[in-house]
Amino acid sequence: MLGRFLHVQHPTAKQAVITAIDLLGRAVISAAEIGISFPLQRRDQLLEYVLTLMGRDQSDDLVDFSIELLQTQTVALSACTTLVSIEPRLPMETRNRVMKATLGFFALPTEPSNIVESLITNLIILLGAILLTSGEDGRSRAEQLLHILRQLDPYVSASAEHQRRRGCVAVHEVLVKFRNLCSGGFGASGSYPTLSLKHIDQGGPRGSSSLPSAFVLPNRDSLSLGERIMAYLPRCADTDDEVRKVAIQIIALFFNISLSLPKQKTSANDIDLESSYGALSSLEDIVSIIRRV
């Protein structure tokens, strides 16, 4: 019966179907918050339906910018976030499919601004939900973080200013969520924190709890700090004020996260860590100079 919903054509009908799926998913999450187990057996199938109704395939061909389609896609991204946030966690292949089907929205034009901005906001929230509900342990979550960040690289370095702004804002928000996830702790068994509807929108638990043990946290090397800094450092001298501001915040966040994580066990043949962190200190000085310009 669910398959019949795929044949609706009118934008209002599509939005109604997607909203119904979203509400169903939110009901499951709300039930979990009060300790009622109500598994959504066809979660993955519903997610496929939403992607189909959204009107996007896996290509980056953004041809139709109609208001009705953009509104449908905005609602669909919200539903995707809800479905992604329901346990059990999505298989890697499904997560990658969702990302491939949605990341192209960062290339949308700026108008109509009110609808496009809402769509981009929902997309960034979706990326945060994918991060929060992925990985088996700290290291695999760090790998998922890097995967998301690398997928955003083309937008961070795009020729269009509005794409660079969107890309940098998305990177910053995902990093904030990863930092909060580190502070909140990774379950020793690899489980992720129970997500409420509020957590989905705000990026997970926020608190001042002490860092978890090194056993469940990723190590510093897993963040590929050098590679990431090289990706964002040019944006600190960007022609756009907002891009420069966010790029500086991104680099500061990377330092903050990296230095809070446990060091990897070293041997006599390893790189001199004092020299490495001396170089990082010099880079911080450069960022400080750019901040004052």
C-alpha atoms as a PDB file:
ATOM      1  CA  MET A   1       0.000   0.000   0.000  1.00  0.00           C
ATOM      2  CA  LEU A   2       2.831   2.393   0.803  1.00  0.00           C
ATOM      3  CA  GLY A   3       4.094   2.128  -2.754  1.00  0.00           C
ATOM      4  CA  ARG A   4       0.930   3.823  -4.028  1.00  0.00           C
ATOM      5  CA  PHE A   5       2.043   7.064  -2.403  1.00  0.00           C
ATOM      6  CA  LEU A   6       4.889   7.263  -4.906  1.00  0.00           C
ATOM      7  CA  HIS A   7       2.432   7.942  -7.713  1.00  0.00           C
ATOM      8  CA  VAL A   8       1.116  11.235  -6.328  1.00  0.00           C
ATOM      9  CA  GLN A   9       2.041  14.119  -8.606  1.00  0.00           C
ATOM     10  CA  HIS A  10       0.673  17.339  -7.142  1.00  0.00           C
ATOM     11  CA  PRO A  11       3.214  19.144  -4.910  1.00  0.00           C
ATOM     12  CA  THR A  12       0.660  19.556  -2.108  1.00  0.00           C
ATOM     13  CA  ALA A  13      -0.075  15.823  -2.156  1.00  0.00           C
ATOM     14  CA  LYS A  14       3.637  14.999  -2.091  1.00  0.00           C
ATOM     15  CA  GLN A  15       4.179  17.314   0.861  1.00  0.00           C
ATOM     16  CA  ALA A  16       1.232  15.734   2.683  1.00  0.00           C
ATOM     17  CA  VAL A  17       2.650  12.227   2.238  1.00  0.00           C
ATOM     18  CA  ILE A  18       6.135  13.313   3.330  1.00  0.00           C
ATOM     19  CA  THR A  19       4.731  15.159   6.349  1.00  0.00           C
ATOM     20  CA  ALA A  20       2.763  12.056   7.370  1.00  0.00           C
ATOM     21  CA  ILE A  21       5.954   9.973   7.218  1.00  0.00           C
ATOM     22  CA  ASP A  22       7.788  12.633   9.232  1.00  0.00           C
ATOM     23  CA  LEU A  23       5.074  12.668  11.907  1.00  0.00           C
ATOM     24  CA  LEU A  24       5.148   8.871  12.109  1.00  0.00           C
ATOM     25  CA  GLY A  25       8.896   8.954  12.685  1.00  0.00           C
ATOM     26  CA  ARG A  26       8.573  11.677  15.305  1.00  0.00           C
ATOM     27  CA  ALA A  27       5.952   9.599  17.109  1.00  0.00           C
ATOM     28  CA  VAL A  28       8.431   6.706  17.287  1.00  0.00           C
ATOM     29  CA  ILE A  29      11.117   9.025  18.692  1.00  0.00           C
ATOM     30  CA  SER A  30       8.690  10.509  21.235  1.00  0.00           C
ATOM     31  CA  ALA A  31       7.692   7.012  22.354  1.00  0.00           C
ATOM     32  CA  ALA A  32      11.358   6.079  22.816  1.00  0.00           C
ATOM     33  CA  GLU A  33      11.854   9.145  25.027  1.00  0.00           C
ATOM     34  CA  ILE A  34       9.361   7.779  27.552  1.00  0.00           C
ATOM     35  CA  GLY A  35      10.704   4.237  27.370  1.00  0.00           C
ATOM     36  CA  ILE A  36       8.225   2.720  24.937  1.00  0.00           C
ATOM     37  CA  SER A  37       9.839   0.567  22.265  1.00  0.00           C
ATOM     38  CA  PHE A  38       8.009   1.024  18.990  1.00  0.00           C
ATOM     39  CA  PRO A  39      10.292  -0.066  16.143  1.00  0.00           C
ATOM     40  CA  LEU A  40       9.559   1.344  12.715  1.00  0.00           C
ATOM     41  CA  GLN A  41       9.894  -1.824  10.681  1.00  0.00           C
ATOM     42  CA  ARG A  42       9.955  -0.144   7.267  1.00  0.00           C
ATOM     43  CA  ARG A  43      12.101   2.826   8.191  1.00  0.00           C
ATOM     44  CA  ASP A  44      14.590   2.296   5.360  1.00  0.00           C
ATOM     45  CA  GLN A  45      11.784   1.827   2.842  1.00  0.00           C
ATOM     46  CA  LEU A  46      10.084   5.010   4.040  1.00  0.00           C
ATOM     47  CA  LEU A  47      13.371   6.837   3.645  1.00  0.00           C
ATOM     48  CA  GLU A  48      13.599   5.661   0.044  1.00  0.00           C
ATOM     49  CA  TYR A  49      10.044   6.895  -0.546  1.00  0.00           C
ATOM     50  CA  VAL A  50      10.913  10.320   0.841  1.00  0.00           C
ATOM     51  CA  LEU A  51      13.972  10.572  -1.402  1.00  0.00           C
ATOM     52  CA  THR A  52      11.825   9.625  -4.390  1.00  0.00           C
ATOM     53  CA  LEU A  53       9.066  12.108  -3.562  1.00  0.00           C
ATOM     54  CA  MET A  54      11.700  14.771  -3.005  1.00  0.00           C
ATOM     55  CA  GLY A  55      12.296  14.754  -6.733  1.00  0.00           C
ATOM     56  CA  ARG A  56      16.069  14.337  -6.597  1.00  0.00           C
ATOM     57  CA  ASP A  57      18.093  11.504  -8.061  1.00  0.00           C
ATOM     58  CA  GLN A  58      21.764  10.865  -7.379  1.00  0.00           C
ATOM     59  CA  SER A  59      22.920  13.333 -10.020  1.00  0.00           C
ATOM     60  CA  ASP A  60      23.688  16.965  -9.343  1.00  0.00           C
ATOM     61  CA  ASP A  61      21.417  18.215 -12.112  1.00  0.00           C
ATOM     62  CA  LEU A  62      19.513  21.068 -10.493  1.00  0.00           C
ATOM     63  CA  VAL A  63      17.159  22.142 -13.266  1.00  0.00           C
ATOM     64  CA  ASP A  64      13.810  22.813 -11.628  1.00  0.00           C
ATOM     65  CA  PHE A  65      13.857  25.694  -9.147  1.00  0.00           C
ATOM     66  CA  SER A  66      10.061  25.995  -8.813  1.00  0.00           C
ATOM     67  CA  ILE A  67       8.798  27.188  -5.452  1.00  0.00           C
ATOM     68  CA  GLU A  68       6.570  24.124  -5.071  1.00  0.00           C
ATOM     69  CA  LEU A  69       9.472  21.750  -5.637  1.00  0.00           C
ATOM     70  CA  LEU A  70      11.724  23.651  -3.232  1.00  0.00           C
ATOM     71  CA  GLN A  71       9.016  23.514  -0.574  1.00  0.00           C
ATOM     72  CA  THR A  72       8.619  19.779  -1.129  1.00  0.00           C
ATOM     73  CA  GLN A  73      12.371  19.282  -0.825  1.00  0.00           C
ATOM     74  CA  THR A  74      12.488  21.346   2.373  1.00  0.00           C
ATOM     75  CA  VAL A  75       9.813  19.155   3.966  1.00  0.00           C
ATOM     76  CA  ALA A  76      11.555  16.032   2.669  1.00  0.00           C
ATOM     77  CA  LEU A  77      14.871  16.983   4.286  1.00  0.00           C
ATOM     78  CA  SER A  78      13.103  17.344   7.625  1.00  0.00           C
ATOM     79  CA  ALA A  79      11.568  13.885   7.206  1.00  0.00           C
ATOM     80  CA  CYS A  80      14.964  12.435   6.264  1.00  0.00           C
ATOM     81  CA  THR A  81      16.429  13.838   9.484  1.00  0.00           C
ATOM     82  CA  THR A  82      13.666  12.216  11.511  1.00  0.00           C
ATOM     83  CA  LEU A  83      14.048   8.813   9.843  1.00  0.00           C
ATOM     84  CA  VAL A  84      17.848   8.884  10.066  1.00  0.00           C
ATOM     85  CA  SER A  85      17.527   9.549  13.801  1.00  0.00           C
ATOM     86  CA  ILE A  86      15.515   6.389  14.499  1.00  0.00           C
ATOM     87  CA  GLU A  87      17.349   3.310  15.740  1.00  0.00           C
ATOM     88  CA  PRO A  88      18.816   1.068  14.544  1.00  0.00           C
ATOM     89  CA  ARG A  89      21.436   3.178  12.827  1.00  0.00           C
ATOM     90  CA  LEU A  90      21.384   3.247   9.072  1.00  0.00           C
ATOM     91  CA  PRO A  91      23.738   1.027   7.071  1.00  0.00           C
ATOM     92  CA  MET A  92      26.666   2.928   5.605  1.00  0.00           C
ATOM     93  CA  GLU A  93      25.356   2.446   2.074  1.00  0.00           C
ATOM     94  CA  THR A  94      22.036   4.076   2.958  1.00  0.00           C
ATOM     95  CA  ARG A  95      23.723   6.995   4.724  1.00  0.00           C
ATOM     96  CA  ASN A  96      25.902   7.583   1.688  1.00  0.00           C
ATOM     97  CA  ARG A  97      22.880   7.434  -0.604  1.00  0.00           C
ATOM     98  CA  VAL A  98      21.074  10.041   1.487  1.00  0.00           C
ATOM     99  CA  MET A  99      24.109  12.317   1.378  1.00  0.00           C
ATOM    100  CA  LYS A 100      24.593  11.851  -2.351  1.00  0.00           C
ATOM    101  CA  ALA A 101      20.935  12.649  -2.986  1.00  0.00           C
ATOM    102  CA  THR A 102      20.930  15.826  -0.888  1.00  0.00           C
ATOM    103  CA  LEU A 103      24.347  17.522  -0.863  1.00  0.00           C
ATOM    104  CA  GLY A 104      23.720  19.022  -4.291  1.00  0.00           C
ATOM    105  CA  PHE A 105      21.262  21.423  -2.673  1.00  0.00           C
ATOM    106  CA  PHE A 106      24.246  23.481  -1.516  1.00  0.00           C
ATOM    107  CA  ALA A 107      24.561  24.570  -5.159  1.00  0.00           C
ATOM    108  CA  LEU A 108      21.041  26.038  -5.292  1.00  0.00           C
ATOM    109  CA  PRO A 109      20.746  29.710  -6.273  1.00  0.00           C
ATOM    110  CA  THR A 110      20.024  32.237  -3.540  1.00  0.00           C
ATOM    111  CA  GLU A 111      16.451  33.014  -4.623  1.00  0.00           C
ATOM    112  CA  PRO A 112      13.752  32.640  -3.453  1.00  0.00           C
ATOM    113  CA  SER A 113      15.803  33.387  -0.358  1.00  0.00           C
ATOM    114  CA  ASN A 114      13.262  32.526   2.359  1.00  0.00           C
ATOM    115  CA  ILE A 115      12.587  29.055   0.953  1.00  0.00           C
ATOM    116  CA  VAL A 116      16.175  28.277  -0.055  1.00  0.00           C
ATOM    117  CA  GLU A 117      17.561  29.353   3.326  1.00  0.00           C
ATOM    118  CA  SER A 118      15.075  27.095   5.108  1.00  0.00           C
ATOM    119  CA  LEU A 119      16.048  24.222   2.814  1.00  0.00           C
ATOM    120  CA  ILE A 120      19.774  24.730   3.461  1.00  0.00           C
ATOM    121  CA  THR A 121      19.142  24.882   7.216  1.00  0.00           C
ATOM    122  CA  ASN A 122      17.284  21.565   7.058  1.00  0.00           C
ATOM    123  CA  LEU A 123      20.121  20.067   5.030  1.00  0.00           C
ATOM    124  CA  ILE A 124      22.717  21.090   7.617  1.00  0.00           C
ATOM    125  CA  ILE A 125      20.552  19.630  10.392  1.00  0.00           C
ATOM    126  CA  LEU A 126      20.341  16.385   8.391  1.00  0.00           C
ATOM    127  CA  LEU A 127      24.141  16.185   8.137  1.00  0.00           C
ATOM    128  CA  GLY A 128      24.352  16.626  11.897  1.00  0.00           C
ATOM    129  CA  ALA A 129      21.864  13.812  12.441  1.00  0.00           C
ATOM    130  CA  ILE A 130      23.852  11.533  10.132  1.00  0.00           C
ATOM    131  CA  LEU A 131      26.981  12.232  12.177  1.00  0.00           C
ATOM    132  CA  LEU A 132      25.260  11.738  15.527  1.00  0.00           C
ATOM    133  CA  THR A 133      23.784   8.375  14.564  1.00  0.00           C
ATOM    134  CA  SER A 134      26.762   6.859  12.762  1.00  0.00           C
ATOM    135  CA  GLY A 135      29.803   4.856  13.757  1.00  0.00           C
ATOM    136  CA  GLU A 136      30.495   1.991  16.097  1.00  0.00           C
ATOM    137  CA  ASP A 137      32.961   3.837  18.320  1.00  0.00           C
ATOM    138  CA  GLY A 138      34.871   7.089  18.596  1.00  0.00           C
ATOM    139  CA  ARG A 139      37.242   6.327  15.758  1.00  0.00           C
ATOM    140  CA  SER A 140      34.536   5.291  13.301  1.00  0.00           C
ATOM    141  CA  ARG A 141      32.583   8.422  14.163  1.00  0.00           C
ATOM    142  CA  ALA A 142      35.693  10.457  13.428  1.00  0.00           C
ATOM    143  CA  GLU A 143      35.884   8.672  10.070  1.00  0.00           C
ATOM    144  CA  GLN A 144      32.262   9.602   9.385  1.00  0.00           C
ATOM    145  CA  LEU A 145      33.056  13.207  10.311  1.00  0.00           C
ATOM    146  CA  LEU A 146      35.919  13.274   7.824  1.00  0.00           C
ATOM    147  CA  HIS A 147      33.722  11.697   5.163  1.00  0.00           C
ATOM    148  CA  ILE A 148      31.118  14.433   5.603  1.00  0.00           C
ATOM    149  CA  LEU A 149      33.735  17.195   5.640  1.00  0.00           C
ATOM    150  CA  ARG A 150      35.396  15.897   2.479  1.00  0.00           C
ATOM    151  CA  GLN A 151      32.021  15.788   0.730  1.00  0.00           C
ATOM    152  CA  LEU A 152      31.608  19.457   1.653  1.00  0.00           C
ATOM    153  CA  ASP A 153      35.031  20.470   0.290  1.00  0.00           C
ATOM    154  CA  PRO A 154      33.755  21.334  -3.228  1.00  0.00           C
ATOM    155  CA  TYR A 155      31.344  23.860  -1.722  1.00  0.00           C
ATOM    156  CA  VAL A 156      33.886  25.280   0.732  1.00  0.00           C
ATOM    157  CA  SER A 157      36.186  26.073  -2.204  1.00  0.00           C
ATOM    158  CA  ALA A 158      33.481  26.881  -4.790  1.00  0.00           C
ATOM    159  CA  SER A 159      33.760  29.937  -7.028  1.00  0.00           C
ATOM    160  CA  ALA A 160      30.319  31.202  -5.955  1.00  0.00           C
ATOM    161  CA  GLU A 161      30.362  33.119  -2.671  1.00  0.00           C
ATOM    162  CA  HIS A 162      26.980  31.821  -1.518  1.00  0.00           C
ATOM    163  CA  GLN A 163      28.183  28.228  -1.944  1.00  0.00           C
ATOM    164  CA  ARG A 164      31.343  28.933   0.065  1.00  0.00           C
ATOM    165  CA  ARG A 165      29.253  30.506   2.812  1.00  0.00           C
ATOM    166  CA  ARG A 166      26.932  27.509   2.927  1.00  0.00           C
ATOM    167  CA  GLY A 167      29.813  25.050   2.859  1.00  0.00           C
ATOM    168  CA  CYS A 168      31.700  26.777   5.670  1.00  0.00           C
ATOM    169  CA  VAL A 169      28.595  27.144   7.838  1.00  0.00           C
ATOM    170  CA  ALA A 170      27.827  23.441   7.341  1.00  0.00           C
ATOM    171  CA  VAL A 171      31.390  22.455   8.296  1.00  0.00           C
ATOM    172  CA  HIS A 172      31.221  24.613  11.418  1.00  0.00           C
ATOM    173  CA  GLU A 173      27.876  23.186  12.531  1.00  0.00           C
ATOM    174  CA  VAL A 174      28.983  19.584  11.982  1.00  0.00           C
ATOM    175  CA  LEU A 175      32.185  20.241  13.956  1.00  0.00           C
ATOM    176  CA  VAL A 176      30.186  21.738  16.826  1.00  0.00           C
ATOM    177  CA  LYS A 177      28.060  18.597  16.920  1.00  0.00           C
ATOM    178  CA  PHE A 178      31.160  16.388  16.915  1.00  0.00           C
ATOM    179  CA  ARG A 179      32.681  18.399  19.758  1.00  0.00           C
ATOM    180  CA  ASN A 180      29.452  18.071  21.753  1.00  0.00           C
ATOM    181  CA  LEU A 181      29.394  14.354  21.017  1.00  0.00           C
ATOM    182  CA  CYS A 182      32.939  14.012  22.349  1.00  0.00           C
ATOM    183  CA  SER A 183      32.030  15.978  25.467  1.00  0.00           C
ATOM    184  CA  GLY A 184      28.883  13.938  26.011  1.00  0.00           C
ATOM    185  CA  GLY A 185      30.712  10.674  25.569  1.00  0.00           C
ATOM    186  CA  PHE A 186      30.701   7.693  23.236  1.00  0.00           C
ATOM    187  CA  GLY A 187      29.081   4.577  24.579  1.00  0.00           C
ATOM    188  CA  ALA A 188      31.599   1.836  25.322  1.00  0.00           C
ATOM    189  CA  SER A 189      29.555  -0.549  23.207  1.00  0.00           C
ATOM    190  CA  GLY A 190      29.396   1.935  20.344  1.00  0.00           C
ATOM    191  CA  SER A 191      25.818   2.995  20.992  1.00  0.00           C
ATOM    192  CA  TYR A 192      24.890   6.564  20.312  1.00  0.00           C
ATOM    193  CA  PRO A 193      22.957   8.792  22.704  1.00  0.00           C
ATOM    194  CA  THR A 194      19.193   8.532  22.609  1.00  0.00           C
ATOM    195  CA  LEU A 195      18.050  11.415  20.432  1.00  0.00           C
ATOM    196  CA  SER A 196      15.023  13.458  21.328  1.00  0.00           C
ATOM    197  CA  LEU A 197      13.308  15.757  18.859  1.00  0.00           C
ATOM    198  CA  LYS A 198      15.041  18.671  20.596  1.00  0.00           C
ATOM    199  CA  HIS A 199      18.437  16.984  20.246  1.00  0.00           C
ATOM    200  CA  ILE A 200      17.870  16.401  16.546  1.00  0.00           C
ATOM    201  CA  ASP A 201      17.373  20.117  15.956  1.00  0.00           C
ATOM    202  CA  GLN A 202      20.076  21.336  18.345  1.00  0.00           C
ATOM    203  CA  GLY A 203      22.794  18.837  17.583  1.00  0.00           C
ATOM    204  CA  GLY A 204      22.764  16.448  20.491  1.00  0.00           C
ATOM    205  CA  PRO A 205      23.460  16.762  24.207  1.00  0.00           C
ATOM    206  CA  ARG A 206      25.318  19.824  25.387  1.00  0.00           C
ATOM    207  CA  GLY A 207      26.981  19.884  28.731  1.00  0.00           C
ATOM    208  CA  SER A 208      30.147  20.435  30.682  1.00  0.00           C
ATOM    209  CA  SER A 209      30.739  16.799  31.556  1.00  0.00           C
ATOM    210  CA  SER A 210      34.317  15.613  31.676  1.00  0.00           C
ATOM    211  CA  LEU A 211      35.774  13.895  28.650  1.00  0.00           C
ATOM    212  CA  PRO A 212      35.267  10.132  28.448  1.00  0.00           C
ATOM    213  CA  SER A 213      38.117   7.690  28.712  1.00  0.00           C
ATOM    214  CA  ALA A 214      40.686   7.277  25.943  1.00  0.00           C
ATOM    215  CA  PHE A 215      39.295   3.793  25.267  1.00  0.00           C
ATOM    216  CA  VAL A 216      36.137   5.121  23.625  1.00  0.00           C
ATOM    217  CA  LEU A 217      37.418   8.411  22.193  1.00  0.00           C
ATOM    218  CA  PRO A 218      39.093   8.792  18.803  1.00  0.00           C
ATOM    219  CA  ASN A 219      42.738   9.814  18.941  1.00  0.00           C
ATOM    220  CA  ARG A 220      44.090  13.070  17.567  1.00  0.00           C
ATOM    221  CA  ASP A 221      45.502  11.523  14.421  1.00  0.00           C
ATOM    222  CA  SER A 222      42.072  10.274  13.358  1.00  0.00           C
ATOM    223  CA  LEU A 223      40.983  13.847  12.576  1.00  0.00           C
ATOM    224  CA  SER A 224      43.626  14.345   9.845  1.00  0.00           C
ATOM    225  CA  LEU A 225      44.239  17.788  11.295  1.00  0.00           C
ATOM    226  CA  GLY A 226      46.857  18.854   8.760  1.00  0.00           C
ATOM    227  CA  GLU A 227      44.693  17.947   5.776  1.00  0.00           C
ATOM    228  CA  ARG A 228      41.673  19.740   7.207  1.00  0.00           C
ATOM    229  CA  ILE A 229      43.580  22.898   8.134  1.00  0.00           C
ATOM    230  CA  MET A 230      44.948  23.080   4.586  1.00  0.00           C
ATOM    231  CA  ALA A 231      41.364  22.866   3.289  1.00  0.00           C
ATOM    232  CA  TYR A 232      40.094  25.758   5.417  1.00  0.00           C
ATOM    233  CA  LEU A 233      43.104  28.051   5.798  1.00  0.00           C
ATOM    234  CA  PRO A 234      42.635  29.702   2.352  1.00  0.00           C
ATOM    235  CA  ARG A 235      39.117  30.685   3.390  1.00  0.00           C
ATOM    236  CA  CYS A 236      40.588  32.810   6.197  1.00  0.00           C
ATOM    237  CA  ALA A 237      41.627  35.225   3.433  1.00  0.00           C
ATOM    238  CA  ASP A 238      38.368  34.915   1.476  1.00  0.00           C
ATOM    239  CA  THR A 239      36.835  37.937  -0.226  1.00  0.00           C
ATOM    240  CA  ASP A 240      33.589  37.350   1.685  1.00  0.00           C
ATOM    241  CA  ASP A 241      33.483  38.607   5.290  1.00  0.00           C
ATOM    242  CA  GLU A 242      31.217  35.822   6.551  1.00  0.00           C
ATOM    243  CA  VAL A 243      33.361  33.113   4.974  1.00  0.00           C
ATOM    244  CA  ARG A 244      36.490  34.549   6.630  1.00  0.00           C
ATOM    245  CA  LYS A 245      34.790  34.717  10.017  1.00  0.00           C
ATOM    246  CA  VAL A 246      33.439  31.161   9.884  1.00  0.00           C
ATOM    247  CA  ALA A 247      36.731  29.755   8.523  1.00  0.00           C
ATOM    248  CA  ILE A 248      38.606  31.159  11.520  1.00  0.00           C
ATOM    249  CA  GLN A 249      36.028  29.601  13.839  1.00  0.00           C
ATOM    250  CA  ILE A 250      36.421  26.265  12.032  1.00  0.00           C
ATOM    251  CA  ILE A 251      40.190  26.216  12.514  1.00  0.00           C
ATOM    252  CA  ALA A 252      39.839  27.212  16.168  1.00  0.00           C
ATOM    253  CA  LEU A 253      37.310  24.399  16.642  1.00  0.00           C
ATOM    254  CA  PHE A 254      39.655  21.871  15.070  1.00  0.00           C
ATOM    255  CA  PHE A 255      42.427  22.906  17.459  1.00  0.00           C
ATOM    256  CA  ASN A 256      40.044  22.726  20.400  1.00  0.00           C
ATOM    257  CA  ILE A 257      38.763  19.272  19.483  1.00  0.00           C
ATOM    258  CA  SER A 258      42.163  17.854  18.556  1.00  0.00           C
ATOM    259  CA  LEU A 259      43.905  19.003  21.726  1.00  0.00           C
ATOM    260  CA  SER A 260      41.092  17.595  23.880  1.00  0.00           C
ATOM    261  CA  LEU A 261      41.488  14.104  22.404  1.00  0.00           C
ATOM    262  CA  PRO A 262      43.992  11.530  23.674  1.00  0.00           C
ATOM    263  CA  LYS A 263      47.370  11.240  22.014  1.00  0.00           C
ATOM    264  CA  GLN A 264      48.204   8.125  20.066  1.00  0.00           C
ATOM    265  CA  LYS A 265      50.846   5.972  21.715  1.00  0.00           C
ATOM    266  CA  THR A 266      54.200   6.930  20.278  1.00  0.00           C
ATOM    267  CA  SER A 267      57.541   5.242  19.807  1.00  0.00           C
ATOM    268  CA  ALA A 268      61.050   6.585  19.427  1.00  0.00           C
ATOM    269  CA  ASN A 269      60.675   6.572  15.646  1.00  0.00           C
ATOM    270  CA  ASP A 270      57.545   8.718  15.634  1.00  0.00           C
ATOM    271  CA  ILE A 271      57.429  12.364  14.630  1.00  0.00           C
ATOM    272  CA  ASP A 272      58.626  14.864  17.222  1.00  0.00           C
ATOM    273  CA  LEU A 273      55.346  15.953  18.794  1.00  0.00           C
ATOM    274  CA  GLU A 274      56.875  19.071  20.308  1.00  0.00           C
ATOM    275  CA  SER A 275      57.826  20.308  16.859  1.00  0.00           C
ATOM    276  CA  SER A 276      54.406  19.385  15.497  1.00  0.00           C
ATOM    277  CA  TYR A 277      52.540  21.305  18.156  1.00  0.00           C
ATOM    278  CA  GLY A 278      54.999  24.147  17.847  1.00  0.00           C
ATOM    279  CA  ALA A 279      53.914  24.386  14.226  1.00  0.00           C
ATOM    280  CA  LEU A 280      50.284  24.376  15.313  1.00  0.00           C
ATOM    281  CA  SER A 281      51.018  27.198  17.728  1.00  0.00           C
ATOM    282  CA  SER A 282      52.559  29.208  14.892  1.00  0.00           C
ATOM    283  CA  LEU A 283      49.470  28.547  12.806  1.00  0.00           C
ATOM    284  CA  GLU A 284      47.305  29.843  15.643  1.00  0.00           C
ATOM    285  CA  ASP A 285      49.382  33.030  15.606  1.00  0.00           C
ATOM    286  CA  ILE A 286      48.699  33.420  11.887  1.00  0.00           C
ATOM    287  CA  VAL A 287      44.978  32.948  12.441  1.00  0.00           C
ATOM    288  CA  SER A 288      45.062  35.556  15.212  1.00  0.00           C
ATOM    289  CA  ILE A 289      46.720  38.036  12.857  1.00  0.00           C
ATOM    290  CA  ILE A 290      44.099  37.359  10.169  1.00  0.00           C
ATOM    291  CA  ARG A 291      41.340  37.814  12.759  1.00  0.00           C
ATOM    292  CA  ARG A 292      42.601  41.338  13.526  1.00  0.00           C
ATOM    293  CA  VAL A 293      42.829  42.384   9.880  1.00  0.00           C
END
